[in-house]
Amino acid sequence: MHAQSYNDKELFQAISEGDETAFRKLFHIYVPQFRAIAQHITKTAAVTEDIIQETFLRLWISRDKLPDIEQPRSWMLRIVFYQSFTYLRKQAVHHKALDTLAPIEPAFSMEENMAYTSMIKQVGVAVAELPPRAQQIYRLSREQGLKIPEIAQQLSLSSNTVKNSLVRSLQAIRKHLEASGHLLPALVFWLLRL
């Protein structure tokens, strides 16, 4: 147990220095656990993927704080739980269950939340600049959580056409984010859906 915590601390330290390999390693260690937890709470696959995305986006945005975090797994779990129960509150679901839980404090400072909000806003701007069909494909993937074959069937397109459109859209969004000063590792960008 202590060895895992120590490894997590090392990974957090490396991520704080911008190490994308450490970020990928942490991602692969924890995504299965976090996905199972978020799926259990929200009962919704698309929302679960959004929660995973937000958890790792926020981890990257907060990377300068990572060396000071003593319990990396607990810190990340707070984000997963916070995002999951925020979803339930927004959906006005399970009021009684929520009432029995202690309030969960947001895990981020106002400055970190502003950076995150700014980045998400820029993604929205970039998506709005895509051609109409590319926007439609991106939104079906990102907002409705549809897989490439499902989008292809719905729009009467080939899976390759849908995949190529998503790849081009993601490249355009990444260029827009980089131009607006949001530098993200490839894996964080992939989470933007990817």
C-alpha atoms as a PDB file:
ATOM      1  CA  MET A   1       0.000   0.000   0.000  1.00  0.00           C
ATOM      2  CA  HIS A   2       2.740   2.416   0.955  1.00  0.00           C
ATOM      3  CA  ALA A   3       4.685   1.497  -2.187  1.00  0.00           C
ATOM      4  CA  GLN A   4       1.684   2.430  -4.347  1.00  0.00           C
ATOM      5  CA  SER A   5       1.313   5.764  -2.536  1.00  0.00           C
ATOM      6  CA  TYR A   6       5.007   6.423  -2.983  1.00  0.00           C
ATOM      7  CA  ASN A   7       4.752   5.631  -6.703  1.00  0.00           C
ATOM      8  CA  ASP A   8       1.734   7.912  -6.986  1.00  0.00           C
ATOM      9  CA  LYS A   9       3.685  10.685  -5.269  1.00  0.00           C
ATOM     10  CA  GLU A  10       6.543  10.173  -7.721  1.00  0.00           C
ATOM     11  CA  LEU A  11       4.117  10.308 -10.635  1.00  0.00           C
ATOM     12  CA  PHE A  12       2.520  13.495  -9.244  1.00  0.00           C
ATOM     13  CA  GLN A  13       5.984  15.044  -8.934  1.00  0.00           C
ATOM     14  CA  ALA A  14       6.855  14.101 -12.511  1.00  0.00           C
ATOM     15  CA  ILE A  15       3.499  15.395 -13.817  1.00  0.00           C
ATOM     16  CA  SER A  16       4.076  18.680 -11.988  1.00  0.00           C
ATOM     17  CA  GLU A  17       7.216  19.020 -14.126  1.00  0.00           C
ATOM     18  CA  GLY A  18       5.217  18.432 -17.322  1.00  0.00           C
ATOM     19  CA  ASP A  19       6.079  14.735 -17.800  1.00  0.00           C
ATOM     20  CA  GLU A  20       3.444  13.356 -20.195  1.00  0.00           C
ATOM     21  CA  THR A  21       4.675   9.759 -19.774  1.00  0.00           C
ATOM     22  CA  ALA A  22       3.964   9.952 -16.034  1.00  0.00           C
ATOM     23  CA  PHE A  23       0.563  11.426 -16.824  1.00  0.00           C
ATOM     24  CA  ARG A  24      -0.244   8.512 -19.168  1.00  0.00           C
ATOM     25  CA  LYS A  25       0.920   6.002 -16.546  1.00  0.00           C
ATOM     26  CA  LEU A  26      -1.295   7.538 -13.854  1.00  0.00           C
ATOM     27  CA  PHE A  27      -4.189   7.649 -16.326  1.00  0.00           C
ATOM     28  CA  HIS A  28      -3.884   3.932 -17.125  1.00  0.00           C
ATOM     29  CA  ILE A  29      -3.585   3.000 -13.435  1.00  0.00           C
ATOM     30  CA  TYR A  30      -6.666   4.890 -12.273  1.00  0.00           C
ATOM     31  CA  VAL A  31      -9.137   5.184 -15.140  1.00  0.00           C
ATOM     32  CA  PRO A  32     -10.602   1.669 -14.621  1.00  0.00           C
ATOM     33  CA  GLN A  33     -11.198   2.369 -10.904  1.00  0.00           C
ATOM     34  CA  PHE A  34     -12.597   5.849 -11.446  1.00  0.00           C
ATOM     35  CA  ARG A  35     -14.776   4.734 -14.350  1.00  0.00           C
ATOM     36  CA  ALA A  36     -16.347   2.001 -12.182  1.00  0.00           C
ATOM     37  CA  ILE A  37     -17.011   4.462  -9.330  1.00  0.00           C
ATOM     38  CA  ALA A  38     -18.493   7.199 -11.545  1.00  0.00           C
ATOM     39  CA  GLN A  39     -20.597   4.655 -13.466  1.00  0.00           C
ATOM     40  CA  HIS A  40     -21.926   3.241 -10.183  1.00  0.00           C
ATOM     41  CA  ILE A  41     -22.929   6.715  -8.948  1.00  0.00           C
ATOM     42  CA  THR A  42     -24.285   8.246 -12.167  1.00  0.00           C
ATOM     43  CA  LYS A  43     -25.567   5.097 -13.945  1.00  0.00           C
ATOM     44  CA  THR A  44     -24.743   6.883 -17.224  1.00  0.00           C
ATOM     45  CA  ALA A  45     -21.866   5.886 -19.529  1.00  0.00           C
ATOM     46  CA  ALA A  46     -21.570   9.235 -21.347  1.00  0.00           C
ATOM     47  CA  VAL A  47     -21.546  11.160 -18.047  1.00  0.00           C
ATOM     48  CA  THR A  48     -18.968   8.738 -16.651  1.00  0.00           C
ATOM     49  CA  GLU A  49     -16.631   9.514 -19.551  1.00  0.00           C
ATOM     50  CA  ASP A  50     -17.136  13.255 -18.973  1.00  0.00           C
ATOM     51  CA  ILE A  51     -16.200  12.787 -15.310  1.00  0.00           C
ATOM     52  CA  ILE A  52     -13.017  10.897 -16.246  1.00  0.00           C
ATOM     53  CA  GLN A  53     -12.195  13.675 -18.725  1.00  0.00           C
ATOM     54  CA  GLU A  54     -12.755  16.439 -16.182  1.00  0.00           C
ATOM     55  CA  THR A  55     -10.779  14.623 -13.493  1.00  0.00           C
ATOM     56  CA  PHE A  56      -7.661  14.365 -15.645  1.00  0.00           C
ATOM     57  CA  LEU A  57      -8.066  17.816 -17.189  1.00  0.00           C
ATOM     58  CA  ARG A  58      -8.212  19.304 -13.717  1.00  0.00           C
ATOM     59  CA  LEU A  59      -5.231  17.237 -12.621  1.00  0.00           C
ATOM     60  CA  TRP A  60      -3.174  18.694 -15.484  1.00  0.00           C
ATOM     61  CA  ILE A  61      -4.412  22.238 -14.874  1.00  0.00           C
ATOM     62  CA  SER A  62      -3.504  21.910 -11.177  1.00  0.00           C
ATOM     63  CA  ARG A  63      -0.126  20.276 -11.796  1.00  0.00           C
ATOM     64  CA  ASP A  64       1.827  23.011  -9.997  1.00  0.00           C
ATOM     65  CA  LYS A  65       0.033  21.973  -6.777  1.00  0.00           C
ATOM     66  CA  LEU A  66       0.685  18.223  -7.165  1.00  0.00           C
ATOM     67  CA  PRO A  67       4.003  18.010  -5.219  1.00  0.00           C
ATOM     68  CA  ASP A  68       2.183  19.211  -2.073  1.00  0.00           C
ATOM     69  CA  ILE A  69      -0.521  16.520  -2.235  1.00  0.00           C
ATOM     70  CA  GLU A  70       0.203  13.754   0.258  1.00  0.00           C
ATOM     71  CA  GLN A  71      -2.509  11.302  -0.854  1.00  0.00           C
ATOM     72  CA  PRO A  72      -2.750  11.442  -4.668  1.00  0.00           C
ATOM     73  CA  ARG A  73      -5.426   8.746  -4.985  1.00  0.00           C
ATOM     74  CA  SER A  74      -7.636  10.382  -2.346  1.00  0.00           C
ATOM     75  CA  TRP A  75      -7.211  13.763  -4.021  1.00  0.00           C
ATOM     76  CA  MET A  76      -8.261  12.357  -7.400  1.00  0.00           C
ATOM     77  CA  LEU A  77     -11.169  10.461  -5.820  1.00  0.00           C
ATOM     78  CA  ARG A  78     -12.457  13.742  -4.375  1.00  0.00           C
ATOM     79  CA  ILE A  79     -12.670  15.096  -7.908  1.00  0.00           C
ATOM     80  CA  VAL A  80     -14.480  11.984  -9.167  1.00  0.00           C
ATOM     81  CA  PHE A  81     -16.989  12.095  -6.299  1.00  0.00           C
ATOM     82  CA  TYR A  82     -17.445  15.856  -6.581  1.00  0.00           C
ATOM     83  CA  GLN A  83     -18.125  15.659 -10.323  1.00  0.00           C
ATOM     84  CA  SER A  84     -20.429  12.649  -9.887  1.00  0.00           C
ATOM     85  CA  PHE A  85     -22.556  14.218  -7.174  1.00  0.00           C
ATOM     86  CA  THR A  86     -22.602  17.547  -8.987  1.00  0.00           C
ATOM     87  CA  TYR A  87     -24.147  15.689 -11.913  1.00  0.00           C
ATOM     88  CA  LEU A  88     -26.740  14.107  -9.629  1.00  0.00           C
ATOM     89  CA  ARG A  89     -27.585  17.495  -8.113  1.00  0.00           C
ATOM     90  CA  LYS A  90     -28.028  18.991 -11.564  1.00  0.00           C
ATOM     91  CA  GLN A  91     -30.297  16.124 -12.541  1.00  0.00           C
ATOM     92  CA  ALA A  92     -32.218  16.465  -9.261  1.00  0.00           C
ATOM     93  CA  VAL A  93     -31.700  12.756  -8.693  1.00  0.00           C
ATOM     94  CA  HIS A  94     -31.371  10.846  -5.414  1.00  0.00           C
ATOM     95  CA  HIS A  95     -32.167  13.809  -3.141  1.00  0.00           C
ATOM     96  CA  LYS A  96     -32.391  11.649  -0.040  1.00  0.00           C
ATOM     97  CA  ALA A  97     -29.036  10.004  -0.732  1.00  0.00           C
ATOM     98  CA  LEU A  98     -27.424  13.380  -1.269  1.00  0.00           C
ATOM     99  CA  ASP A  99     -28.914  14.776   1.934  1.00  0.00           C
ATOM    100  CA  THR A 100     -27.188  12.070   3.959  1.00  0.00           C
ATOM    101  CA  LEU A 101     -23.774  12.858   2.512  1.00  0.00           C
ATOM    102  CA  ALA A 102     -21.458  15.445   3.976  1.00  0.00           C
ATOM    103  CA  PRO A 103     -20.970  18.379   1.610  1.00  0.00           C
ATOM    104  CA  ILE A 104     -17.983  17.847  -0.645  1.00  0.00           C
ATOM    105  CA  GLU A 105     -15.746  20.874  -0.874  1.00  0.00           C
ATOM    106  CA  PRO A 106     -14.522  21.852  -4.334  1.00  0.00           C
ATOM    107  CA  ALA A 107     -10.963  20.622  -4.815  1.00  0.00           C
ATOM    108  CA  PHE A 108      -9.801  23.694  -6.739  1.00  0.00           C
ATOM    109  CA  SER A 109      -9.007  27.324  -6.187  1.00  0.00           C
ATOM    110  CA  MET A 110     -10.840  30.126  -7.962  1.00  0.00           C
ATOM    111  CA  GLU A 111      -7.769  30.624 -10.187  1.00  0.00           C
ATOM    112  CA  GLU A 112      -7.752  26.941 -11.249  1.00  0.00           C
ATOM    113  CA  ASN A 113     -11.488  26.992 -11.900  1.00  0.00           C
ATOM    114  CA  MET A 114     -11.065  30.118 -14.031  1.00  0.00           C
ATOM    115  CA  ALA A 115      -8.287  28.444 -16.067  1.00  0.00           C
ATOM    116  CA  TYR A 116     -10.463  25.375 -16.572  1.00  0.00           C
ATOM    117  CA  THR A 117     -13.529  27.455 -17.515  1.00  0.00           C
ATOM    118  CA  SER A 118     -11.443  29.513 -19.949  1.00  0.00           C
ATOM    119  CA  MET A 119     -10.111  26.373 -21.636  1.00  0.00           C
ATOM    120  CA  ILE A 120     -13.578  24.800 -21.971  1.00  0.00           C
ATOM    121  CA  LYS A 121     -14.894  28.090 -23.397  1.00  0.00           C
ATOM    122  CA  GLN A 122     -12.106  28.081 -26.005  1.00  0.00           C
ATOM    123  CA  VAL A 123     -13.011  24.495 -26.956  1.00  0.00           C
ATOM    124  CA  GLY A 124     -16.583  25.752 -27.545  1.00  0.00           C
ATOM    125  CA  VAL A 125     -15.296  28.598 -29.729  1.00  0.00           C
ATOM    126  CA  ALA A 126     -13.157  26.177 -31.748  1.00  0.00           C
ATOM    127  CA  VAL A 127     -16.078  23.766 -32.222  1.00  0.00           C
ATOM    128  CA  ALA A 128     -18.303  26.641 -33.406  1.00  0.00           C
ATOM    129  CA  GLU A 129     -15.715  27.395 -36.123  1.00  0.00           C
ATOM    130  CA  LEU A 130     -15.862  23.847 -37.550  1.00  0.00           C
ATOM    131  CA  PRO A 131     -17.864  23.173 -40.733  1.00  0.00           C
ATOM    132  CA  PRO A 132     -21.505  22.226 -39.973  1.00  0.00           C
ATOM    133  CA  ARG A 133     -21.121  18.471 -40.634  1.00  0.00           C
ATOM    134  CA  ALA A 134     -17.897  18.311 -38.581  1.00  0.00           C
ATOM    135  CA  GLN A 135     -19.663  20.142 -35.734  1.00  0.00           C
ATOM    136  CA  GLN A 136     -22.532  17.676 -35.896  1.00  0.00           C
ATOM    137  CA  ILE A 137     -20.181  14.675 -35.744  1.00  0.00           C
ATOM    138  CA  TYR A 138     -18.122  16.204 -32.932  1.00  0.00           C
ATOM    139  CA  ARG A 139     -21.221  17.031 -30.856  1.00  0.00           C
ATOM    140  CA  LEU A 140     -22.708  13.565 -31.301  1.00  0.00           C
ATOM    141  CA  SER A 141     -19.397  12.138 -30.072  1.00  0.00           C
ATOM    142  CA  ARG A 142     -18.663  14.639 -27.304  1.00  0.00           C
ATOM    143  CA  GLU A 143     -22.071  15.687 -26.026  1.00  0.00           C
ATOM    144  CA  GLN A 144     -24.096  12.540 -26.590  1.00  0.00           C
ATOM    145  CA  GLY A 145     -21.313  10.035 -26.021  1.00  0.00           C
ATOM    146  CA  LEU A 146     -21.977   8.122 -29.257  1.00  0.00           C
ATOM    147  CA  LYS A 147     -19.316   5.781 -30.628  1.00  0.00           C
ATOM    148  CA  ILE A 148     -18.022   6.155 -34.199  1.00  0.00           C
ATOM    149  CA  PRO A 149     -20.180   3.293 -35.610  1.00  0.00           C
ATOM    150  CA  GLU A 150     -23.298   4.765 -33.944  1.00  0.00           C
ATOM    151  CA  ILE A 151     -22.609   8.206 -35.427  1.00  0.00           C
ATOM    152  CA  ALA A 152     -21.949   6.639 -38.837  1.00  0.00           C
ATOM    153  CA  GLN A 153     -25.267   4.790 -38.719  1.00  0.00           C
ATOM    154  CA  GLN A 154     -27.216   7.836 -37.521  1.00  0.00           C
ATOM    155  CA  LEU A 155     -25.788  10.103 -40.239  1.00  0.00           C
ATOM    156  CA  SER A 156     -25.657   7.426 -42.984  1.00  0.00           C
ATOM    157  CA  LEU A 157     -21.897   7.815 -43.318  1.00  0.00           C
ATOM    158  CA  SER A 158     -19.038   5.330 -43.285  1.00  0.00           C
ATOM    159  CA  SER A 159     -17.180   4.799 -40.005  1.00  0.00           C
ATOM    160  CA  ASN A 160     -13.992   5.979 -41.742  1.00  0.00           C
ATOM    161  CA  THR A 161     -15.652   9.250 -42.752  1.00  0.00           C
ATOM    162  CA  VAL A 162     -16.752   9.851 -39.154  1.00  0.00           C
ATOM    163  CA  LYS A 163     -13.339   8.934 -37.747  1.00  0.00           C
ATOM    164  CA  ASN A 164     -11.492  11.163 -40.234  1.00  0.00           C
ATOM    165  CA  SER A 165     -13.846  14.057 -39.468  1.00  0.00           C
ATOM    166  CA  LEU A 166     -13.214  13.663 -35.720  1.00  0.00           C
ATOM    167  CA  VAL A 167      -9.452  13.543 -36.238  1.00  0.00           C
ATOM    168  CA  ARG A 168      -9.538  16.744 -38.337  1.00  0.00           C
ATOM    169  CA  SER A 169     -11.829  18.453 -35.818  1.00  0.00           C
ATOM    170  CA  LEU A 170      -9.563  17.526 -32.915  1.00  0.00           C
ATOM    171  CA  GLN A 171      -6.523  18.846 -34.766  1.00  0.00           C
ATOM    172  CA  ALA A 172      -8.353  22.126 -35.421  1.00  0.00           C
ATOM    173  CA  ILE A 173      -9.440  22.376 -31.768  1.00  0.00           C
ATOM    174  CA  ARG A 174      -5.921  21.628 -30.550  1.00  0.00           C
ATOM    175  CA  LYS A 175      -4.449  24.344 -32.804  1.00  0.00           C
ATOM    176  CA  HIS A 176      -7.054  26.794 -31.524  1.00  0.00           C
ATOM    177  CA  LEU A 177      -6.247  25.910 -27.887  1.00  0.00           C
ATOM    178  CA  GLU A 178      -2.515  26.251 -28.465  1.00  0.00           C
ATOM    179  CA  ALA A 179      -3.034  29.611 -30.175  1.00  0.00           C
ATOM    180  CA  SER A 180      -5.049  30.797 -27.175  1.00  0.00           C
ATOM    181  CA  GLY A 181      -2.314  29.710 -24.745  1.00  0.00           C
ATOM    182  CA  HIS A 182      -3.736  26.406 -23.511  1.00  0.00           C
ATOM    183  CA  LEU A 183      -0.899  23.909 -23.842  1.00  0.00           C
ATOM    184  CA  LEU A 184      -2.071  20.378 -23.082  1.00  0.00           C
ATOM    185  CA  PRO A 185      -0.414  16.976 -23.263  1.00  0.00           C
ATOM    186  CA  ALA A 186      -1.695  14.718 -26.029  1.00  0.00           C
ATOM    187  CA  LEU A 187      -3.571  12.490 -23.582  1.00  0.00           C
ATOM    188  CA  VAL A 188      -5.460  15.382 -22.003  1.00  0.00           C
ATOM    189  CA  PHE A 189      -6.364  16.552 -25.458  1.00  0.00           C
ATOM    190  CA  TRP A 190      -7.480  13.049 -26.420  1.00  0.00           C
ATOM    191  CA  LEU A 191      -9.829  13.158 -23.432  1.00  0.00           C
ATOM    192  CA  LEU A 192     -11.620  16.101 -25.009  1.00  0.00           C
ATOM    193  CA  ARG A 193     -13.143  13.295 -26.947  1.00  0.00           C
ATOM    194  CA  LEU A 194     -12.082  11.575 -28.356  1.00  0.00           C
END
